[in-house]
C-alpha atoms as a PDB file:
ATOM      1  CA  UNK A   1     -89.842  44.067  48.586  1.00  0.00           C
ATOM      2  CA  UNK A   2     -88.089  40.810  49.188  1.00  0.00           C
ATOM      3  CA  UNK A   3     -87.162  38.245  46.565  1.00  0.00           C
ATOM      4  CA  UNK A   4     -90.267  36.115  47.160  1.00  0.00           C
ATOM      5  CA  UNK A   5     -92.595  39.080  46.717  1.00  0.00           C
ATOM      6  CA  UNK A   6     -90.742  40.229  43.597  1.00  0.00           C
ATOM      7  CA  UNK A   7     -90.922  36.749  42.101  1.00  0.00           C
ATOM      8  CA  UNK A   8     -94.639  36.467  42.873  1.00  0.00           C
ATOM      9  CA  UNK A   9     -95.256  39.945  41.436  1.00  0.00           C
ATOM     10  CA  UNK A  10     -93.339  39.125  38.231  1.00  0.00           C
ATOM     11  CA  UNK A  11     -95.238  35.848  37.863  1.00  0.00           C
ATOM     12  CA  UNK A  12     -98.583  37.585  38.289  1.00  0.00           C
ATOM     13  CA  UNK A  13     -97.610  40.296  35.793  1.00  0.00           C
ATOM     14  CA  UNK A  14     -96.680  37.597  33.271  1.00  0.00           C
ATOM     15  CA  UNK A  15     -99.866  35.645  33.957  1.00  0.00           C
ATOM     16  CA  UNK A  16    -101.989  38.760  33.505  1.00  0.00           C
ATOM     17  CA  UNK A  17    -100.252  39.774  30.274  1.00  0.00           C
ATOM     18  CA  UNK A  18    -100.447  36.253  28.868  1.00  0.00           C
ATOM     19  CA  UNK A  19    -104.133  35.969  29.728  1.00  0.00           C
ATOM     20  CA  UNK A  20    -105.052  39.348  28.304  1.00  0.00           C
ATOM     21  CA  UNK A  21    -103.129  38.901  25.055  1.00  0.00           C
ATOM     22  CA  UNK A  22    -104.347  35.333  24.618  1.00  0.00           C
ATOM     23  CA  UNK A  23    -107.962  36.267  25.276  1.00  0.00           C
ATOM     24  CA  UNK A  24    -107.763  39.231  22.895  1.00  0.00           C
ATOM     25  CA  UNK A  25    -106.303  36.964  20.206  1.00  0.00           C
ATOM     26  CA  UNK A  26    -109.117  34.458  20.749  1.00  0.00           C
ATOM     27  CA  UNK A  27    -111.741  37.193  20.480  1.00  0.00           C
ATOM     28  CA  UNK A  28    -110.267  38.561  17.253  1.00  0.00           C
ATOM     29  CA  UNK A  29    -109.686  35.208  15.539  1.00  0.00           C
ATOM     30  CA  UNK A  30    -112.732  33.402  16.903  1.00  0.00           C
ATOM     31  CA  UNK A  31    -110.828  30.256  17.880  1.00  0.00           C
ATOM     32  CA  UNK A  32    -108.655  29.191  20.782  1.00  0.00           C
ATOM     33  CA  UNK A  33    -104.990  30.070  20.723  1.00  0.00           C
ATOM     34  CA  UNK A  34    -102.566  27.356  19.672  1.00  0.00           C
ATOM     35  CA  UNK A  35     -99.278  26.982  17.847  1.00  0.00           C
ATOM     36  CA  UNK A  36    -101.139  26.866  14.503  1.00  0.00           C
ATOM     37  CA  UNK A  37    -102.550  29.233  11.900  1.00  0.00           C
ATOM     38  CA  UNK A  38    -103.639  32.058  12.197  1.00  0.00           C
ATOM     39  CA  UNK A  39    -101.472  32.702  15.264  1.00  0.00           C
ATOM     40  CA  UNK A  40     -98.183  31.176  14.123  1.00  0.00           C
ATOM     41  CA  UNK A  41     -97.255  31.454  10.469  1.00  0.00           C
ATOM     42  CA  UNK A  42     -94.031  31.302   8.495  1.00  0.00           C
ATOM     43  CA  UNK A  43     -95.370  34.067   6.249  1.00  0.00           C
ATOM     44  CA  UNK A  44     -95.606  36.496   9.180  1.00  0.00           C
ATOM     45  CA  UNK A  45     -92.556  35.715  11.293  1.00  0.00           C
ATOM     46  CA  UNK A  46     -92.492  38.901  13.423  1.00  0.00           C
ATOM     47  CA  UNK A  47     -96.201  38.691  14.183  1.00  0.00           C
ATOM     48  CA  UNK A  48     -95.794  35.016  15.076  1.00  0.00           C
ATOM     49  CA  UNK A  49     -92.859  35.765  17.378  1.00  0.00           C
ATOM     50  CA  UNK A  50     -94.759  38.527  19.158  1.00  0.00           C
ATOM     51  CA  UNK A  51     -97.840  36.353  19.567  1.00  0.00           C
ATOM     52  CA  UNK A  52     -95.792  33.424  20.828  1.00  0.00           C
ATOM     53  CA  UNK A  53     -93.732  35.551  23.210  1.00  0.00           C
ATOM     54  CA  UNK A  54     -96.804  37.074  24.834  1.00  0.00           C
ATOM     55  CA  UNK A  55     -99.419  34.317  24.638  1.00  0.00           C
ATOM     56  CA  UNK A  56     -97.074  31.324  24.403  1.00  0.00           C
ATOM     57  CA  UNK A  57     -97.831  29.827  27.822  1.00  0.00           C
ATOM     58  CA  UNK A  58    -101.553  30.021  27.048  1.00  0.00           C
ATOM     59  CA  UNK A  59    -100.921  28.334  23.666  1.00  0.00           C
ATOM     60  CA  UNK A  60     -98.735  25.648  25.251  1.00  0.00           C
ATOM     61  CA  UNK A  61    -101.306  24.748  27.899  1.00  0.00           C
ATOM     62  CA  UNK A  62    -104.131  24.613  25.319  1.00  0.00           C
ATOM     63  CA  UNK A  63    -102.110  22.346  23.014  1.00  0.00           C
ATOM     64  CA  UNK A  64    -100.968  20.124  25.898  1.00  0.00           C
ATOM     65  CA  UNK A  65    -104.497  19.692  27.234  1.00  0.00           C
ATOM     66  CA  UNK A  66    -105.792  18.845  23.754  1.00  0.00           C
ATOM     67  CA  UNK A  67    -102.982  16.328  23.268  1.00  0.00           C
ATOM     68  CA  UNK A  68    -103.672  14.725  26.660  1.00  0.00           C
ATOM     69  CA  UNK A  69    -107.393  14.495  25.890  1.00  0.00           C
ATOM     70  CA  UNK A  70    -106.577  12.760  22.604  1.00  0.00           C
ATOM     71  CA  UNK A  71    -104.094  10.424  24.323  1.00  0.00           C
ATOM     72  CA  UNK A  72    -101.089  11.721  22.360  1.00  0.00           C
ATOM     73  CA  UNK A  73     -99.047  12.588  25.481  1.00  0.00           C
ATOM     74  CA  UNK A  74     -98.702  11.069  28.928  1.00  0.00           C
ATOM     75  CA  UNK A  75     -99.506  12.664  32.262  1.00  0.00           C
ATOM     76  CA  UNK A  76     -95.795  13.232  32.867  1.00  0.00           C
ATOM     77  CA  UNK A  77     -95.527  15.139  29.580  1.00  0.00           C
ATOM     78  CA  UNK A  78     -98.590  17.192  30.542  1.00  0.00           C
ATOM     79  CA  UNK A  79     -96.971  18.087  33.871  1.00  0.00           C
ATOM     80  CA  UNK A  80     -93.756  18.975  32.024  1.00  0.00           C
ATOM     81  CA  UNK A  81     -95.713  21.293  29.717  1.00  0.00           C
ATOM     82  CA  UNK A  82     -97.369  22.874  32.755  1.00  0.00           C
ATOM     83  CA  UNK A  83     -94.012  23.495  34.427  1.00  0.00           C
ATOM     84  CA  UNK A  84     -92.650  24.973  31.197  1.00  0.00           C
ATOM     85  CA  UNK A  85     -95.680  27.271  30.956  1.00  0.00           C
ATOM     86  CA  UNK A  86     -95.137  28.435  34.554  1.00  0.00           C
ATOM     87  CA  UNK A  87     -91.452  29.164  33.892  1.00  0.00           C
ATOM     88  CA  UNK A  88     -92.343  30.941  30.631  1.00  0.00           C
ATOM     89  CA  UNK A  89     -94.947  33.041  32.445  1.00  0.00           C
ATOM     90  CA  UNK A  90     -92.393  34.028  35.080  1.00  0.00           C
ATOM     91  CA  UNK A  91     -89.842  34.949  32.401  1.00  0.00           C
ATOM     92  CA  UNK A  92     -92.453  37.024  30.566  1.00  0.00           C
ATOM     93  CA  UNK A  93     -93.303  38.820  33.810  1.00  0.00           C
ATOM     94  CA  UNK A  94     -89.643  39.549  34.545  1.00  0.00           C
ATOM     95  CA  UNK A  95     -89.173  41.034  31.072  1.00  0.00           C
ATOM     96  CA  UNK A  96     -92.324  43.154  31.367  1.00  0.00           C
ATOM     97  CA  UNK A  97     -91.365  44.451  34.818  1.00  0.00           C
ATOM     98  CA  UNK A  98     -87.855  45.254  33.570  1.00  0.00           C
ATOM     99  CA  UNK A  99     -89.249  47.133  30.570  1.00  0.00           C
ATOM    100  CA  UNK A 100     -91.662  49.027  32.814  1.00  0.00           C
ATOM    101  CA  UNK A 101     -88.774  50.065  35.083  1.00  0.00           C
ATOM    102  CA  UNK A 102     -86.649  51.580  32.314  1.00  0.00           C
ATOM    103  CA  UNK A 103     -86.134  55.254  32.867  1.00  0.00           C
ATOM    104  CA  UNK A 104     -86.943  57.629  30.074  1.00  0.00           C
ATOM    105  CA  UNK A 105     -84.076  60.095  29.541  1.00  0.00           C
ATOM    106  CA  UNK A 106     -85.117  63.731  29.765  1.00  0.00           C
END
Protein backbone atom coordinates (compact mmCIF):
# COMPACT_ATOMS: atom_id res chain seq x y z
CA UNK A 1 0.00 0.00 0.00
CA UNK A 2 1.16 3.48 -0.79
CA UNK A 3 1.17 6.42 1.59
CA UNK A 4 -2.17 7.79 0.35
CA UNK A 5 -3.92 4.46 0.87
CA UNK A 6 -2.36 4.04 4.31
CA UNK A 7 -3.43 7.53 5.32
CA UNK A 8 -6.97 6.95 4.06
CA UNK A 9 -7.11 3.58 5.84
CA UNK A 10 -5.88 5.09 9.13
CA UNK A 11 -8.41 7.92 8.84
CA UNK A 12 -11.26 5.48 8.22
CA UNK A 13 -10.16 3.30 11.15
CA UNK A 14 -10.15 6.36 13.40
CA UNK A 15 -13.52 7.53 12.08
CA UNK A 16 -15.04 4.10 12.66
CA UNK A 17 -13.64 3.79 16.18
CA UNK A 18 -14.72 7.31 17.10
CA UNK A 19 -18.22 6.73 15.75
CA UNK A 20 -18.66 3.39 17.47
CA UNK A 21 -17.37 4.55 20.85
CA UNK A 22 -19.30 7.81 20.68
CA UNK A 23 -22.53 6.08 19.70
CA UNK A 24 -22.11 3.47 22.44
CA UNK A 25 -21.54 6.25 24.98
CA UNK A 26 -24.67 8.04 23.78
CA UNK A 27 -26.72 4.85 24.06
CA UNK A 28 -25.51 4.15 27.59
CA UNK A 29 -25.85 7.70 28.93
CA UNK A 30 -28.95 8.69 26.98
CA UNK A 31 -27.57 12.05 25.86
CA UNK A 32 -25.24 13.26 23.14
CA UNK A 33 -21.53 13.18 23.76
CA UNK A 34 -19.86 16.43 24.76
CA UNK A 35 -17.01 17.66 26.92
CA UNK A 36 -19.33 17.71 29.96
CA UNK A 37 -20.63 15.37 32.65
CA UNK A 38 -21.09 12.36 32.58
CA UNK A 39 -18.41 11.89 29.91
CA UNK A 40 -15.69 14.18 31.25
CA UNK A 41 -15.27 14.46 34.99
CA UNK A 42 -12.47 15.48 37.32
CA UNK A 43 -13.56 12.73 39.71
CA UNK A 44 -12.88 10.03 37.11
CA UNK A 45 -9.76 11.22 35.31
CA UNK A 46 -8.77 7.93 33.62
CA UNK A 47 -12.29 7.28 32.38
CA UNK A 48 -12.48 10.85 31.09
CA UNK A 49 -9.15 10.51 29.29
CA UNK A 50 -10.19 7.25 27.65
CA UNK A 51 -13.54 8.68 26.59
CA UNK A 52 -11.94 11.83 25.23
CA UNK A 53 -9.18 9.96 23.41
CA UNK A 54 -11.62 7.68 21.62
CA UNK A 55 -14.72 9.83 21.14
CA UNK A 56 -13.06 13.26 21.29
CA UNK A 57 -13.58 14.22 17.64
CA UNK A 58 -17.27 13.32 17.96
CA UNK A 59 -17.48 15.43 21.16
CA UNK A 60 -15.65 18.35 19.53
CA UNK A 61 -17.93 18.42 16.49
CA UNK A 62 -21.07 18.21 18.66
CA UNK A 63 -19.90 21.07 20.89
CA UNK A 64 -18.79 23.19 17.92
CA UNK A 65 -22.10 22.74 16.11
CA UNK A 66 -24.04 23.63 19.26
CA UNK A 67 -21.87 26.72 19.77
CA UNK A 68 -22.35 27.80 16.15
CA UNK A 69 -26.12 27.32 16.41
CA UNK A 70 -26.15 29.50 19.53
CA UNK A 71 -23.94 32.12 17.85
CA UNK A 72 -21.07 31.68 20.32
CA UNK A 73 -18.46 30.96 17.61
CA UNK A 74 -17.91 32.17 14.07
CA UNK A 75 -17.88 30.13 10.89
CA UNK A 76 -14.09 30.29 10.83
CA UNK A 77 -13.94 28.82 14.34
CA UNK A 78 -16.37 26.08 13.27
CA UNK A 79 -14.13 25.22 10.31
CA UNK A 80 -11.12 25.22 12.64
CA UNK A 81 -12.91 22.78 14.96
CA UNK A 82 -13.75 20.59 11.96
CA UNK A 83 -10.13 20.53 10.82
CA UNK A 84 -9.00 19.69 14.35
CA UNK A 85 -11.53 16.85 14.50
CA UNK A 86 -10.24 15.48 11.17
CA UNK A 87 -6.63 15.60 12.38
CA UNK A 88 -7.63 14.01 15.70
CA UNK A 89 -9.48 11.24 13.86
CA UNK A 90 -6.42 10.56 11.71
CA UNK A 91 -4.16 10.46 14.78
CA UNK A 92 -6.56 8.08 16.52
CA UNK A 93 -6.56 5.83 13.45
CA UNK A 94 -2.76 5.82 13.27
CA UNK A 95 -2.53 4.81 16.94
CA UNK A 96 -5.13 2.06 16.52
CA UNK A 97 -3.44 0.66 13.41
CA UNK A 98 -0.06 0.74 15.18
CA UNK A 99 -1.49 -1.09 18.19
CA UNK A 100 -3.13 -3.66 15.92
CA UNK A 101 0.21 -4.28 14.18
CA UNK A 102 2.15 -5.04 17.36
CA UNK A 103 3.45 -8.56 17.35
CA UNK A 104 2.71 -10.76 20.29
CA UNK A 105 5.89 -12.51 21.49
CA UNK A 106 5.62 -16.29 21.60
